[in-house]
Amino acid sequence: MLVETPEEAERLGFIGSPTILVDGLDPFASGGEQPALACRVFSTPEGRAGSPTVDQLVEVLS
């Protein structure tokens, strides 16, 4: 889905790109994020990154 406006981000609870949904839920959200049109960073074992690691993705999909 393409989120193009701040209003869409607010309505959808979109917290930045990339957002990965599993069964409609964001397994990487901490709960404190605010809806925004923004680049997103993820906490990984190596530090902050632009995407989760393959191991993190496998874990949430298992």
N, C-alpha and C. Protein backbone atom coordinates (compact mmCIF):
# COMPACT_ATOMS: atom_id res chain seq x y z
N MET A 1 0.85 -1.17 0.00
CA MET A 1 0.00 0.00 0.00
C MET A 1 0.90 1.23 0.00
N LEU A 2 0.50 2.21 -0.77
CA LEU A 2 1.24 3.46 -0.85
C LEU A 2 0.57 4.49 0.04
N VAL A 3 1.30 5.01 1.00
CA VAL A 3 0.79 6.06 1.90
C VAL A 3 1.42 7.37 1.43
N GLU A 4 0.58 8.32 1.01
CA GLU A 4 1.11 9.52 0.36
C GLU A 4 0.91 10.82 1.13
N THR A 5 0.06 10.83 2.14
CA THR A 5 -0.19 12.08 2.86
C THR A 5 -0.11 11.85 4.36
N PRO A 6 0.16 12.92 5.11
CA PRO A 6 0.15 12.79 6.58
C PRO A 6 -1.21 12.32 7.10
N GLU A 7 -2.28 12.71 6.43
CA GLU A 7 -3.61 12.29 6.86
C GLU A 7 -3.79 10.78 6.68
N GLU A 8 -3.28 10.24 5.59
CA GLU A 8 -3.34 8.79 5.39
C GLU A 8 -2.50 8.07 6.44
N ALA A 9 -1.32 8.61 6.72
CA ALA A 9 -0.47 8.00 7.74
C ALA A 9 -1.19 7.97 9.08
N GLU A 10 -1.84 9.05 9.43
CA GLU A 10 -2.58 9.12 10.69
C GLU A 10 -3.72 8.11 10.71
N ARG A 11 -4.50 8.08 9.65
CA ARG A 11 -5.67 7.19 9.57
C ARG A 11 -5.26 5.72 9.64
N LEU A 12 -4.14 5.38 9.01
CA LEU A 12 -3.69 3.99 8.95
C LEU A 12 -2.77 3.60 10.09
N GLY A 13 -2.30 4.57 10.87
CA GLY A 13 -1.33 4.27 11.92
C GLY A 13 0.03 3.92 11.33
N PHE A 14 0.33 4.47 10.16
CA PHE A 14 1.59 4.21 9.46
C PHE A 14 2.72 4.92 10.17
N ILE A 15 3.77 4.17 10.55
CA ILE A 15 4.84 4.76 11.36
C ILE A 15 6.16 4.89 10.61
N GLY A 16 6.12 4.78 9.30
CA GLY A 16 7.33 4.99 8.51
C GLY A 16 7.60 3.86 7.55
N SER A 17 8.51 4.14 6.64
CA SER A 17 8.83 3.18 5.60
C SER A 17 10.25 2.67 5.78
N PRO A 18 10.45 1.37 5.71
CA PRO A 18 9.46 0.35 5.40
C PRO A 18 8.69 -0.09 6.63
N THR A 19 7.44 -0.42 6.42
CA THR A 19 6.62 -1.05 7.45
C THR A 19 6.30 -2.46 6.97
N ILE A 20 6.52 -3.43 7.82
CA ILE A 20 6.25 -4.83 7.50
C ILE A 20 5.10 -5.28 8.39
N LEU A 21 4.02 -5.75 7.76
CA LEU A 21 2.87 -6.23 8.51
C LEU A 21 2.77 -7.74 8.39
N VAL A 22 2.48 -8.39 9.51
CA VAL A 22 2.24 -9.83 9.55
C VAL A 22 0.85 -10.00 10.13
N ASP A 23 -0.04 -10.55 9.34
CA ASP A 23 -1.45 -10.68 9.75
C ASP A 23 -2.01 -9.33 10.18
N GLY A 24 -1.62 -8.27 9.49
CA GLY A 24 -2.14 -6.93 9.76
C GLY A 24 -1.48 -6.20 10.92
N LEU A 25 -0.52 -6.83 11.58
CA LEU A 25 0.17 -6.22 12.72
C LEU A 25 1.63 -5.98 12.40
N ASP A 26 2.19 -4.94 13.00
CA ASP A 26 3.60 -4.60 12.81
C ASP A 26 4.41 -5.24 13.95
N PRO A 27 5.09 -6.36 13.68
CA PRO A 27 5.80 -7.04 14.76
C PRO A 27 7.03 -6.29 15.25
N PHE A 28 7.42 -5.24 14.55
CA PHE A 28 8.61 -4.48 14.95
C PHE A 28 8.27 -3.16 15.63
N ALA A 29 7.00 -2.87 15.80
CA ALA A 29 6.59 -1.63 16.47
C ALA A 29 6.76 -1.79 17.98
N SER A 30 7.24 -0.74 18.61
CA SER A 30 7.42 -0.79 20.07
C SER A 30 6.18 -0.28 20.79
N GLY A 31 5.33 0.43 20.08
CA GLY A 31 4.12 0.97 20.68
C GLY A 31 4.19 2.46 20.94
N GLY A 32 5.38 3.03 20.93
CA GLY A 32 5.51 4.45 21.22
C GLY A 32 5.64 5.34 19.99
N GLU A 33 5.63 4.73 18.81
CA GLU A 33 5.82 5.50 17.59
C GLU A 33 4.57 6.31 17.25
N GLN A 34 4.80 7.43 16.59
CA GLN A 34 3.71 8.28 16.13
C GLN A 34 3.56 8.12 14.62
N PRO A 35 2.32 8.13 14.11
CA PRO A 35 2.14 8.05 12.66
C PRO A 35 2.89 9.18 11.95
N ALA A 36 3.55 8.82 10.83
CA ALA A 36 4.35 9.82 10.12
C ALA A 36 4.72 9.33 8.73
N LEU A 37 4.94 10.26 7.84
CA LEU A 37 5.57 9.97 6.56
C LEU A 37 7.06 10.16 6.80
N ALA A 38 7.75 9.09 7.05
CA ALA A 38 9.16 9.19 7.44
C ALA A 38 9.89 7.91 7.08
N CYS A 39 11.20 8.00 7.05
CA CYS A 39 12.02 6.80 6.94
C CYS A 39 12.05 6.15 8.31
N ARG A 40 12.11 4.86 8.32
CA ARG A 40 12.05 4.13 9.58
C ARG A 40 13.37 3.45 9.85
N VAL A 41 13.72 3.34 11.11
CA VAL A 41 14.90 2.57 11.50
C VAL A 41 14.46 1.45 12.44
N PHE A 42 15.21 0.38 12.42
CA PHE A 42 14.91 -0.80 13.22
C PHE A 42 16.07 -1.08 14.15
N SER A 43 15.78 -1.57 15.34
CA SER A 43 16.82 -2.00 16.27
C SER A 43 17.22 -3.41 15.88
N THR A 44 18.50 -3.59 15.63
CA THR A 44 19.03 -4.91 15.28
C THR A 44 20.17 -5.24 16.24
N PRO A 45 20.62 -6.47 16.26
CA PRO A 45 21.76 -6.81 17.12
C PRO A 45 23.01 -5.98 16.80
N GLU A 46 23.12 -5.50 15.58
CA GLU A 46 24.29 -4.70 15.18
C GLU A 46 24.06 -3.20 15.39
N GLY A 47 22.89 -2.82 15.87
CA GLY A 47 22.56 -1.41 16.06
C GLY A 47 21.37 -1.03 15.19
N ARG A 48 21.17 0.26 15.01
CA ARG A 48 20.05 0.74 14.22
C ARG A 48 20.32 0.54 12.74
N ALA A 49 19.25 0.13 12.00
CA ALA A 49 19.41 -0.14 10.57
C ALA A 49 18.13 0.20 9.84
N GLY A 50 18.22 0.27 8.52
CA GLY A 50 17.08 0.62 7.69
C GLY A 50 16.11 -0.52 7.46
N SER A 51 16.44 -1.70 7.95
CA SER A 51 15.54 -2.85 7.86
C SER A 51 15.91 -3.85 8.94
N PRO A 52 14.97 -4.72 9.30
CA PRO A 52 15.32 -5.78 10.24
C PRO A 52 16.29 -6.77 9.57
N THR A 53 16.97 -7.55 10.38
CA THR A 53 17.86 -8.57 9.84
C THR A 53 17.03 -9.75 9.33
N VAL A 54 17.66 -10.58 8.52
CA VAL A 54 16.99 -11.80 8.04
C VAL A 54 16.58 -12.65 9.24
N ASP A 55 17.44 -12.78 10.23
CA ASP A 55 17.11 -13.57 11.42
C ASP A 55 15.89 -13.00 12.13
N GLN A 56 15.79 -11.67 12.23
CA GLN A 56 14.62 -11.05 12.87
C GLN A 56 13.35 -11.33 12.07
N LEU A 57 13.45 -11.27 10.75
CA LEU A 57 12.29 -11.56 9.90
C LEU A 57 11.86 -13.01 10.05
N VAL A 58 12.82 -13.93 10.04
CA VAL A 58 12.51 -15.35 10.22
C VAL A 58 11.83 -15.58 11.56
N GLU A 59 12.32 -14.91 12.59
CA GLU A 59 11.74 -15.08 13.93
C GLU A 59 10.27 -14.66 13.97
N VAL A 60 9.94 -13.52 13.38
CA VAL A 60 8.53 -13.07 13.45
C VAL A 60 7.62 -13.88 12.53
N LEU A 61 8.21 -14.55 11.54
CA LEU A 61 7.41 -15.37 10.63
C LEU A 61 7.28 -16.81 11.09
N SER A 62 8.03 -17.18 12.13
CA SER A 62 8.00 -18.57 12.62
C SER A 62 6.88 -18.79 13.60
